[in-house]
């Protein structure tokens, strides 16, 4: 990306950097605004004295960075690069535009769409609120939108409906005409290979909200199709009425699914867009001539585990942690990633023994109290079973606190608080209490917590099993 220096002077002053709940003083900041096209982008370099700020080694560089000068925020952004000398850590920063630079929309094709709707769609898809300028005409009323998504691995000679979603393969309506004339309609395989399409109508106040809502409705219909194709019994009873089923092994193996490319048109208008709402933050790993050096520390950490042929239960868990962590980094939507991370988390915590607060005599005392109470036999049996199963069982986060204390891993109060909130979301999802929203910051923080525990746990294991292993 090219640009030119804006005519704002370079500033240099002693100030304080704050990264996800941790503050580090005694740093030297240089801010350099650069004009790129019509946008002014802030770049900064923060030099931090590592001897005066030893806690900086525990910082999470994935997090949002705030830099203060005289208790006022001077800079807000993300770490673009970190390098170091013997004395200083050097943090190269860019304002929040860094995130949008690496979140490339795979498809955004406006079809007769106005400038205000394009601006709103780009802004909202980046996770920001859209505040239209006063001189810009922008419709914020609730209205109907037509949503169409191509369906993979489904062929049908007749139209059919699942809920309020229509599945069809005769492309004769106005929307199919718009799609056919678009660039996607002529070049994008998901639209050009005459695959079945799913169509629904939703109410929304913007194109982005309509795309998210409509895609969710169609996705639920696809979930129902997956359920039906997996039925492998001759009949079921529905409302006391027996219903017989046909079965085919070929159908059992079918995998009907949808891509993330969505067509959206405001009803009763020709304002439309084809949009892929799945943002991509993905780069090729490009290494220089000394590739082995990049993996030096991780090899020191993991080689003993990877080269061992007979693994203990704890070592098998650590291997599984690596699998679920990679899966959460690379696959699935945000909720899939979130639950995969909690699997990795629980694998790390498993095996952590809880301190027994009640001994055998205490258990007998409680059992006798319940046995001699006025509860009926069923109630007594239930209470005694719960006591025996849970009285010495610590909650997951108590075991986490116990483990990080033992491994001498530091987490800030803010990080620990965020973990508790994420645990509540995990429980809401796992126990079916309610749906939750997961954001990128939560996924980033969860990965960092898991990675720190993994490093601490495997380091302790190496010191126990391989005390003579060198660090070079």
Protein backbone atom coordinates (compact mmCIF):
# COMPACT_ATOMS: atom_id res chain seq x y z
CA UNK A 1 0.00 0.00 0.00
CA UNK A 2 1.37 3.36 -0.93
CA UNK A 3 0.82 6.68 0.73
CA UNK A 4 2.41 9.96 1.62
CA UNK A 5 3.22 11.65 4.89
CA UNK A 6 0.52 13.96 6.12
CA UNK A 7 1.61 17.42 7.22
CA UNK A 8 1.11 16.61 10.90
CA UNK A 9 4.38 16.58 12.91
CA UNK A 10 5.91 13.46 14.39
CA UNK A 11 5.51 13.37 18.17
CA UNK A 12 7.84 11.75 20.66
CA UNK A 13 7.20 11.60 24.38
CA UNK A 14 7.37 9.43 27.48
CA UNK A 15 3.99 7.80 28.09
CA UNK A 16 2.16 4.60 29.12
CA UNK A 17 0.93 1.64 27.07
CA UNK A 18 -2.05 -0.48 28.12
CA UNK A 19 -2.71 -3.91 26.59
CA UNK A 20 -5.79 -5.78 27.79
CA UNK A 21 -5.82 -4.75 31.42
CA UNK A 22 -2.06 -4.44 31.88
CA UNK A 23 -0.32 -1.06 31.99
CA UNK A 24 3.37 -0.45 31.29
CA UNK A 25 4.98 2.98 31.91
CA UNK A 26 8.41 4.21 30.89
CA UNK A 27 7.93 3.95 27.14
CA UNK A 28 8.87 6.20 24.23
CA UNK A 29 6.15 6.78 21.65
CA UNK A 30 6.42 8.02 18.08
CA UNK A 31 3.19 8.61 16.16
CA UNK A 32 3.23 9.03 12.40
CA UNK A 33 -0.02 9.84 10.56
CA UNK A 34 0.03 8.92 6.86
CA UNK A 35 -2.53 9.93 4.26
CA UNK A 36 -3.54 6.92 2.13
CA UNK A 37 -5.96 7.98 -0.53
CA UNK A 38 -8.60 9.99 1.30
CA UNK A 39 -7.99 8.25 4.66
CA UNK A 40 -5.64 9.38 7.41
CA UNK A 41 -4.12 6.29 9.04
CA UNK A 42 -2.20 6.45 12.31
CA UNK A 43 0.99 4.41 12.68
CA UNK A 44 3.02 4.34 15.88
CA UNK A 45 6.12 2.80 17.38
CA UNK A 46 6.37 2.20 21.12
CA UNK A 47 9.76 1.40 22.65
CA UNK A 48 9.43 -0.17 26.07
CA UNK A 49 12.26 -0.78 28.52
CA UNK A 50 12.04 -4.51 29.31
CA UNK A 51 14.08 -4.22 32.52
CA UNK A 52 11.79 -1.53 33.94
CA UNK A 53 8.68 -3.35 32.69
CA UNK A 54 9.31 -7.08 33.32
CA UNK A 55 5.57 -7.78 33.29
CA UNK A 56 5.49 -6.87 29.59
CA UNK A 57 6.60 -10.42 28.83
CA UNK A 58 3.10 -11.53 29.94
CA UNK A 59 1.30 -9.09 27.63
CA UNK A 60 -1.16 -10.37 25.01
CA UNK A 61 -0.19 -8.78 21.70
CA UNK A 62 -3.44 -9.92 20.06
CA UNK A 63 -5.40 -7.43 22.15
CA UNK A 64 -6.41 -3.82 21.51
CA UNK A 65 -3.68 -1.37 22.50
CA UNK A 66 -4.28 1.96 24.25
CA UNK A 67 -1.48 4.47 24.67
CA UNK A 68 -1.91 7.24 27.25
CA UNK A 69 -0.14 10.54 27.67
CA UNK A 70 -1.10 12.65 30.71
CA UNK A 71 -3.96 10.18 31.37
CA UNK A 72 -5.51 10.84 27.96
CA UNK A 73 -5.67 8.27 25.17
CA UNK A 74 -3.12 9.27 22.55
CA UNK A 75 -3.47 6.19 20.36
CA UNK A 76 -5.86 3.24 19.91
CA UNK A 77 -4.98 0.35 17.63
CA UNK A 78 -3.43 -3.11 17.17
CA UNK A 79 0.07 -4.54 17.20
CA UNK A 80 1.34 -4.95 13.65
CA UNK A 81 4.78 -6.29 14.57
CA UNK A 82 6.88 -6.89 17.67
CA UNK A 83 10.66 -7.21 17.74
CA UNK A 84 13.25 -6.66 20.44
CA UNK A 85 16.81 -5.87 21.47
CA UNK A 86 18.57 -6.88 24.67
CA UNK A 87 17.11 -3.86 26.46
CA UNK A 88 13.98 -2.77 24.59
CA UNK A 89 10.81 -4.27 23.21
CA UNK A 90 9.76 -2.47 20.03
CA UNK A 91 6.05 -2.50 19.26
CA UNK A 92 4.96 -1.34 15.80
CA UNK A 93 1.31 -0.30 15.84
CA UNK A 94 -1.45 0.73 13.47
CA UNK A 95 -4.86 2.13 14.29
CA UNK A 96 -7.96 -0.08 13.93
CA UNK A 97 -7.73 0.07 10.14
CA UNK A 98 -5.20 -2.78 10.46
CA UNK A 99 -8.07 -5.14 11.20
CA UNK A 100 -10.07 -4.18 8.13
CA UNK A 101 -6.96 -4.40 5.94
CA UNK A 102 -6.67 -8.09 6.78
CA UNK A 103 -10.41 -8.80 6.68
CA UNK A 104 -10.84 -9.05 2.95
CA UNK A 105 -14.39 -9.40 1.68
CA UNK A 106 -14.29 -12.27 -0.80
CA UNK A 107 -17.34 -10.94 -2.65
CA UNK A 108 -19.11 -7.59 -2.62
CA UNK A 109 -20.96 -6.90 -5.83
CA UNK A 110 -23.52 -4.08 -5.69
CA UNK A 111 -26.39 -4.41 -8.16
CA UNK A 112 -28.05 -1.00 -8.54
CA UNK A 113 -27.16 -0.32 -4.90
CA UNK A 114 -26.86 3.28 -3.71
CA UNK A 115 -23.72 4.75 -2.15
CA UNK A 116 -25.29 5.03 1.32
CA UNK A 117 -26.26 1.34 1.39
CA UNK A 118 -22.80 0.32 0.18
CA UNK A 119 -21.18 2.42 2.92
CA UNK A 120 -23.52 0.94 5.54
CA UNK A 121 -22.87 -2.62 4.39
CA UNK A 122 -19.09 -2.19 4.49
CA UNK A 123 -19.20 -0.47 7.88
CA UNK A 124 -21.56 -2.95 9.56
CA UNK A 125 -19.77 -5.99 8.14
CA UNK A 126 -16.56 -4.70 9.78
CA UNK A 127 -18.27 -4.77 13.16
CA UNK A 128 -18.91 -1.03 13.47
CA UNK A 129 -22.10 1.01 13.76
CA UNK A 130 -23.05 3.03 10.72
CA UNK A 131 -23.80 6.69 11.43
CA UNK A 132 -24.80 8.26 8.11
CA UNK A 133 -23.62 11.84 7.48
CA UNK A 134 -26.39 14.43 7.79
CA UNK A 135 -26.34 15.21 4.07
CA UNK A 136 -26.63 11.52 3.05
CA UNK A 137 -30.04 9.99 2.31
CA UNK A 138 -30.25 6.61 4.07
CA UNK A 139 -33.38 4.53 4.69
CA UNK A 140 -33.45 3.11 8.24
CA UNK A 141 -37.08 1.93 8.21
CA UNK A 142 -38.04 -1.72 8.56
CA UNK A 143 -38.90 -3.27 5.20
CA UNK A 144 -38.92 -6.58 3.30
CA UNK A 145 -35.81 -8.09 1.72
CA UNK A 146 -35.53 -11.10 -0.57
CA UNK A 147 -32.67 -13.43 0.35
CA UNK A 148 -31.32 -16.17 -1.95
CA UNK A 149 -28.49 -18.59 -1.18
CA UNK A 150 -27.14 -21.36 -3.47
CA UNK A 151 -27.41 -24.87 -2.04
CA UNK A 152 -24.64 -27.44 -2.50
CA UNK A 153 -25.33 -31.18 -2.95
CA UNK A 154 -29.08 -30.82 -3.52
CA UNK A 155 -30.84 -31.57 -6.81
CA UNK A 156 -34.60 -31.38 -7.20
CA UNK A 157 -37.04 -31.51 -10.09
CA UNK A 158 -39.81 -29.88 -8.03
CA UNK A 159 -39.93 -26.89 -5.73
CA UNK A 160 -40.45 -27.62 -2.03
CA UNK A 161 -40.64 -25.65 1.20
CA UNK A 162 -39.05 -26.08 4.63
CA UNK A 163 -40.70 -23.56 6.96
CA UNK A 164 -40.73 -20.23 5.11
CA UNK A 165 -37.80 -21.18 2.86
CA UNK A 166 -38.46 -22.24 -0.74
CA UNK A 167 -36.04 -24.57 -2.52
CA UNK A 168 -36.14 -24.38 -6.30
CA UNK A 169 -34.13 -25.08 -9.43
CA UNK A 170 -36.14 -23.25 -12.13
CA UNK A 171 -34.50 -19.87 -12.37
CA UNK A 172 -37.30 -17.74 -13.83
CA UNK A 173 -37.94 -14.89 -11.38
CA UNK A 174 -36.56 -11.34 -11.42
CA UNK A 175 -33.91 -12.15 -8.82
CA UNK A 176 -32.50 -15.00 -10.87
CA UNK A 177 -32.35 -12.59 -13.81
CA UNK A 178 -30.30 -10.12 -11.73
CA UNK A 179 -27.99 -12.94 -10.58
CA UNK A 180 -27.54 -14.23 -14.14
CA UNK A 181 -26.44 -10.79 -15.38
CA UNK A 182 -24.03 -10.18 -12.48
CA UNK A 183 -20.30 -10.91 -12.44
CA UNK A 184 -20.91 -13.63 -9.85
CA UNK A 185 -23.62 -15.08 -12.04
CA UNK A 186 -21.13 -15.54 -14.88
CA UNK A 187 -17.90 -16.37 -12.99
CA UNK A 188 -18.64 -17.65 -9.46
CA UNK A 189 -19.17 -21.44 -9.52
CA UNK A 190 -21.61 -21.44 -6.62
CA UNK A 191 -23.94 -19.33 -8.76
CA UNK A 192 -23.17 -20.65 -12.26
CA UNK A 193 -23.43 -24.44 -11.92
CA UNK A 194 -27.25 -24.52 -11.90
CA UNK A 195 -27.34 -25.68 -8.30
CA UNK A 196 -30.57 -25.54 -6.30
CA UNK A 197 -31.28 -22.22 -4.60
CA UNK A 198 -32.97 -21.41 -1.29
CA UNK A 199 -35.15 -18.31 -1.06
CA UNK A 200 -36.85 -16.50 1.80
CA UNK A 201 -38.19 -13.02 2.66
CA UNK A 202 -37.24 -11.26 5.90
CA UNK A 203 -37.89 -7.92 7.55
CA UNK A 204 -34.90 -5.75 8.39
CA UNK A 205 -33.71 -2.13 8.57
CA UNK A 206 -30.56 -2.57 6.48
CA UNK A 207 -29.05 -4.85 3.85
CA UNK A 208 -26.50 -6.23 6.33
CA UNK A 209 -29.15 -7.11 8.94
CA UNK A 210 -31.28 -8.70 6.21
CA UNK A 211 -28.35 -10.82 5.00
CA UNK A 212 -27.53 -12.06 8.51
CA UNK A 213 -31.20 -12.75 9.38
CA UNK A 214 -32.04 -14.38 6.04
CA UNK A 215 -28.94 -16.55 6.06
CA UNK A 216 -29.81 -17.73 9.56
CA UNK A 217 -33.36 -18.65 8.47
CA UNK A 218 -32.06 -20.61 5.46
CA UNK A 219 -29.35 -22.23 7.57
CA UNK A 220 -32.02 -23.52 9.98
CA UNK A 221 -33.90 -25.05 7.04
CA UNK A 222 -30.67 -26.77 5.94
CA UNK A 223 -30.31 -28.13 9.49
CA UNK A 224 -33.80 -29.66 9.17
CA UNK A 225 -32.83 -31.27 5.84
CA UNK A 226 -29.72 -32.75 7.50
CA UNK A 227 -31.92 -34.18 10.28
CA UNK A 228 -34.33 -35.76 7.77
CA UNK A 229 -31.59 -37.35 5.65
CA UNK A 230 -30.06 -38.87 8.79
CA UNK A 231 -33.27 -40.66 9.84
CA UNK A 232 -32.53 -44.39 9.70
CA UNK A 233 -35.65 -45.95 11.20
CA UNK A 234 -38.76 -47.27 9.40
CA UNK A 235 -41.29 -45.07 11.23
CA UNK A 236 -41.80 -42.53 14.00
CA UNK A 237 -44.79 -41.36 16.02
CA UNK A 238 -45.74 -37.69 15.65
CA UNK A 239 -48.60 -36.42 17.82
CA UNK A 240 -49.67 -40.04 18.45
CA UNK A 241 -49.82 -40.73 14.69
CA UNK A 242 -47.42 -43.27 13.17
CA UNK A 243 -45.48 -42.05 10.11
CA UNK A 244 -43.52 -44.45 7.89
CA UNK A 245 -40.23 -43.50 6.23
CA UNK A 246 -38.41 -44.54 3.11
CA UNK A 247 -34.69 -45.14 3.64
CA UNK A 248 -31.72 -45.06 1.27
CA UNK A 249 -28.06 -45.52 2.11
CA UNK A 250 -27.27 -43.06 -0.70
CA UNK A 251 -29.44 -40.40 0.99
CA UNK A 252 -27.87 -41.17 4.37
CA UNK A 253 -24.48 -40.11 2.99
CA UNK A 254 -25.76 -36.88 1.42
CA UNK A 255 -24.29 -33.66 2.79
CA UNK A 256 -26.54 -30.75 1.86
CA UNK A 257 -24.89 -27.44 2.77
CA UNK A 258 -24.72 -23.77 1.85
CA UNK A 259 -21.77 -21.46 1.10
CA UNK A 260 -21.62 -17.96 2.61
CA UNK A 261 -22.38 -16.13 -0.62
CA UNK A 262 -25.77 -14.38 -0.35
CA UNK A 263 -27.97 -12.47 -2.78
CA UNK A 264 -30.10 -9.75 -1.17
CA UNK A 265 -32.65 -7.42 -2.78
CA UNK A 266 -34.87 -4.83 -1.16
CA UNK A 267 -38.42 -5.92 -2.07
CA UNK A 268 -40.34 -3.80 -4.59
CA UNK A 269 -37.06 -2.20 -5.78
CA UNK A 270 -34.15 -3.20 -8.00
CA UNK A 271 -31.60 -2.39 -5.25
CA UNK A 272 -29.62 -5.59 -4.73
CA UNK A 273 -26.21 -6.96 -3.76
CA UNK A 274 -24.29 -10.24 -3.81
CA UNK A 275 -22.25 -10.43 -0.66
CA UNK A 276 -20.06 -13.01 1.07
CA UNK A 277 -20.41 -12.22 4.76
CA UNK A 278 -17.61 -14.57 5.73
CA UNK A 279 -14.62 -12.27 6.28
CA UNK A 280 -11.24 -13.80 5.62
CA UNK A 281 -8.28 -13.16 7.91
CA UNK A 282 -5.91 -15.57 6.27
CA UNK A 283 -2.39 -15.22 4.92
CA UNK A 284 0.18 -17.66 3.63
CA UNK A 285 3.02 -18.27 6.09
CA UNK A 286 6.07 -16.92 4.26
CA UNK A 287 9.41 -17.73 5.87
CA UNK A 288 12.89 -16.47 5.00
CA UNK A 289 15.97 -18.57 4.34
CA UNK A 290 16.36 -19.41 8.02
CA UNK A 291 12.98 -21.13 8.39
CA UNK A 292 14.14 -23.46 11.15
CA UNK A 293 14.88 -20.47 13.40
CA UNK A 294 11.20 -19.46 13.34
CA UNK A 295 10.29 -22.82 14.93
CA UNK A 296 13.25 -23.03 17.33
CA UNK A 297 11.38 -22.32 20.57
CA UNK A 298 8.29 -24.34 19.68
CA UNK A 299 10.52 -27.33 18.88
CA UNK A 300 12.23 -27.02 22.26
CA UNK A 301 8.77 -26.96 23.83
CA UNK A 302 7.06 -29.75 21.89
CA UNK A 303 9.70 -32.10 20.43
CA UNK A 304 9.79 -34.45 23.42
CA UNK A 305 6.04 -34.83 23.23
CA UNK A 306 5.93 -35.27 19.44
CA UNK A 307 8.79 -37.78 19.30
CA UNK A 308 7.49 -39.99 22.11
CA UNK A 309 5.81 -43.20 20.94
CA UNK A 310 4.03 -44.21 24.16
CA UNK A 311 2.05 -41.37 25.70
CA UNK A 312 0.62 -40.94 29.18
CA UNK A 313 -3.01 -39.80 29.55
CA UNK A 314 -1.81 -36.22 30.23
CA UNK A 315 0.41 -36.27 27.14
CA UNK A 316 -2.47 -37.57 25.02
CA UNK A 317 -4.56 -34.68 26.32
CA UNK A 318 -1.88 -32.19 25.30
CA UNK A 319 -1.84 -33.63 21.77
CA UNK A 320 -5.64 -33.24 21.67
CA UNK A 321 -5.32 -29.64 22.88
CA UNK A 322 -3.17 -28.88 19.83
CA UNK A 323 -5.80 -30.43 17.56
CA UNK A 324 -8.76 -28.50 19.00
CA UNK A 325 -6.78 -25.27 19.14
CA UNK A 326 -5.83 -25.52 15.45
CA UNK A 327 -9.43 -26.42 14.60
CA UNK A 328 -10.64 -23.31 16.43
CA UNK A 329 -8.11 -21.14 14.62
CA UNK A 330 -8.91 -22.42 11.14
CA UNK A 331 -12.41 -23.89 10.93
CA UNK A 332 -16.07 -23.14 11.58
CA UNK A 333 -18.05 -20.06 12.53
CA UNK A 334 -17.44 -18.07 15.71
CA UNK A 335 -19.64 -20.31 17.89
CA UNK A 336 -17.98 -23.45 16.55
CA UNK A 337 -14.57 -21.93 17.28
CA UNK A 338 -15.71 -20.87 20.77
CA UNK A 339 -16.90 -24.37 21.73
CA UNK A 340 -13.77 -25.97 20.23
CA UNK A 341 -11.67 -23.69 22.44
CA UNK A 342 -13.59 -24.78 25.52
CA UNK A 343 -12.90 -28.42 24.62
CA UNK A 344 -9.19 -27.52 24.49
CA UNK A 345 -9.51 -25.63 27.79
CA UNK A 346 -11.16 -28.56 29.59
CA UNK A 347 -8.57 -31.00 28.24
CA UNK A 348 -5.88 -28.78 29.78
CA UNK A 349 -7.65 -28.53 33.13
CA UNK A 350 -8.56 -32.24 33.27
CA UNK A 351 -6.46 -34.22 35.70
CA UNK A 352 -6.14 -31.25 38.03
CA UNK A 353 -6.96 -32.77 41.41
CA UNK A 354 -9.25 -30.82 43.70
CA UNK A 355 -8.43 -30.39 47.34
CA UNK A 356 -10.84 -32.54 49.34
CA UNK A 357 -12.65 -30.30 51.79
CA UNK A 358 -14.67 -33.14 53.36
CA UNK A 359 -13.20 -36.44 54.56
CA UNK A 360 -14.80 -39.86 54.88
CA UNK A 361 -16.06 -39.11 58.40
CA UNK A 362 -17.75 -35.92 57.17
CA UNK A 363 -19.46 -37.88 54.40
CA UNK A 364 -20.80 -40.44 56.88
CA UNK A 365 -22.08 -37.62 59.08
CA UNK A 366 -24.00 -36.00 56.22
CA UNK A 367 -25.35 -39.37 55.08
CA UNK A 368 -26.66 -40.15 58.57
CA UNK A 369 -28.32 -36.73 58.78
CA UNK A 370 -30.18 -37.33 55.52
CA UNK A 371 -31.02 -40.95 56.39
CA UNK A 372 -32.63 -39.88 59.69
CA UNK A 373 -34.49 -36.92 58.13
CA UNK A 374 -38.19 -36.74 57.25
CA UNK A 375 -37.58 -36.91 53.49
CA UNK A 376 -39.07 -39.90 51.64
CA UNK A 377 -36.76 -42.66 50.40
CA UNK A 378 -36.53 -41.32 46.84
CA UNK A 379 -35.59 -37.85 48.11
CA UNK A 380 -33.02 -39.30 50.52
CA UNK A 381 -31.41 -41.37 47.76
CA UNK A 382 -31.24 -38.35 45.43
CA UNK A 383 -29.65 -36.05 48.04
CA UNK A 384 -27.09 -38.67 49.14
CA UNK A 385 -26.12 -39.35 45.49
CA UNK A 386 -25.57 -35.64 44.85
CA UNK A 387 -23.49 -35.25 48.01
CA UNK A 388 -21.26 -38.21 47.15
CA UNK A 389 -20.79 -37.07 43.56
CA UNK A 390 -20.27 -33.33 44.02
CA UNK A 391 -19.32 -32.37 47.57
CA UNK A 392 -15.58 -32.57 46.83
CA UNK A 393 -15.84 -31.52 43.19
CA UNK A 394 -14.55 -28.03 42.45
CA UNK A 395 -15.99 -25.95 39.58
CA UNK A 396 -13.92 -25.74 36.39
CA UNK A 397 -12.68 -22.19 36.98
CA UNK A 398 -11.63 -23.04 40.55
CA UNK A 399 -9.45 -25.79 39.07
CA UNK A 400 -8.16 -23.23 36.54
CA UNK A 401 -7.14 -20.84 39.34
CA UNK A 402 -5.47 -23.70 41.17
CA UNK A 403 -3.55 -24.78 38.05
CA UNK A 404 -2.29 -21.32 37.02
CA UNK A 405 -1.12 -20.69 40.58
CA UNK A 406 0.79 -23.97 40.56
CA UNK A 407 2.31 -23.24 37.14
CA UNK A 408 3.06 -19.61 38.12
CA UNK A 409 1.20 -18.18 35.12
CA UNK A 410 0.08 -14.56 35.37
CA UNK A 411 -3.32 -13.34 34.17
CA UNK A 412 -4.56 -9.82 34.82
CA UNK A 413 -7.78 -9.16 36.75
CA UNK A 414 -9.36 -8.04 33.49
CA UNK A 415 -8.35 -11.27 31.74
CA UNK A 416 -9.73 -13.40 34.60
CA UNK A 417 -12.98 -11.41 34.54
CA UNK A 418 -13.30 -11.91 30.78
CA UNK A 419 -12.75 -15.66 31.22
CA UNK A 420 -15.62 -15.79 33.74
CA UNK A 421 -17.95 -14.03 31.30
CA UNK A 422 -16.90 -16.39 28.50
CA UNK A 423 -17.57 -19.34 30.83
CA UNK A 424 -21.10 -18.06 31.37
CA UNK A 425 -21.57 -17.89 27.58
CA UNK A 426 -20.18 -21.41 27.26
CA UNK A 427 -22.71 -22.68 29.82
CA UNK A 428 -25.56 -20.86 28.05
CA UNK A 429 -24.65 -22.60 24.78
CA UNK A 430 -23.81 -26.06 26.13
CA UNK A 431 -26.86 -26.28 28.40
CA UNK A 432 -29.22 -24.73 25.87
CA UNK A 433 -30.20 -21.77 28.06
CA UNK A 434 -29.99 -19.14 25.33
CA UNK A 435 -28.15 -18.14 22.20
CA UNK A 436 -25.11 -15.90 22.61
CA UNK A 437 -22.97 -13.66 20.42
CA UNK A 438 -19.22 -14.32 20.23
CA UNK A 439 -16.82 -11.63 19.05
CA UNK A 440 -13.27 -11.81 17.72
CA UNK A 441 -11.78 -10.28 20.88
CA UNK A 442 -13.23 -13.13 22.97
CA UNK A 443 -11.85 -15.77 20.60
CA UNK A 444 -8.42 -14.08 20.60
CA UNK A 445 -8.35 -13.88 24.39
CA UNK A 446 -9.50 -17.48 24.84
CA UNK A 447 -6.74 -18.71 22.53
CA UNK A 448 -4.14 -16.73 24.45
CA UNK A 449 -5.28 -18.17 27.79
CA UNK A 450 -5.15 -21.72 26.41
CA UNK A 451 -1.73 -21.15 24.84
CA UNK A 452 -0.26 -19.83 28.10
CA UNK A 453 -1.60 -22.82 30.07
CA UNK A 454 -0.37 -25.22 27.39
CA UNK A 455 3.13 -23.72 27.52
CA UNK A 456 3.17 -23.85 31.32
CA UNK A 457 1.88 -27.40 31.50
CA UNK A 458 4.17 -28.87 28.85
CA UNK A 459 7.16 -27.01 30.32
CA UNK A 460 6.45 -28.53 33.73
CA UNK A 461 6.11 -31.95 32.12
CA UNK A 462 9.43 -31.54 30.27
CA UNK A 463 11.23 -30.52 33.46
CA UNK A 464 9.82 -33.57 35.23
CA UNK A 465 10.45 -36.13 32.50
CA UNK A 466 13.49 -34.61 30.75
CA UNK A 467 15.44 -32.64 33.38
CA UNK A 468 18.62 -32.67 31.29
CA UNK A 469 16.99 -31.29 28.13
CA UNK A 470 18.85 -28.19 26.96
CA UNK A 471 17.18 -24.97 25.98
CA UNK A 472 19.23 -24.43 22.84
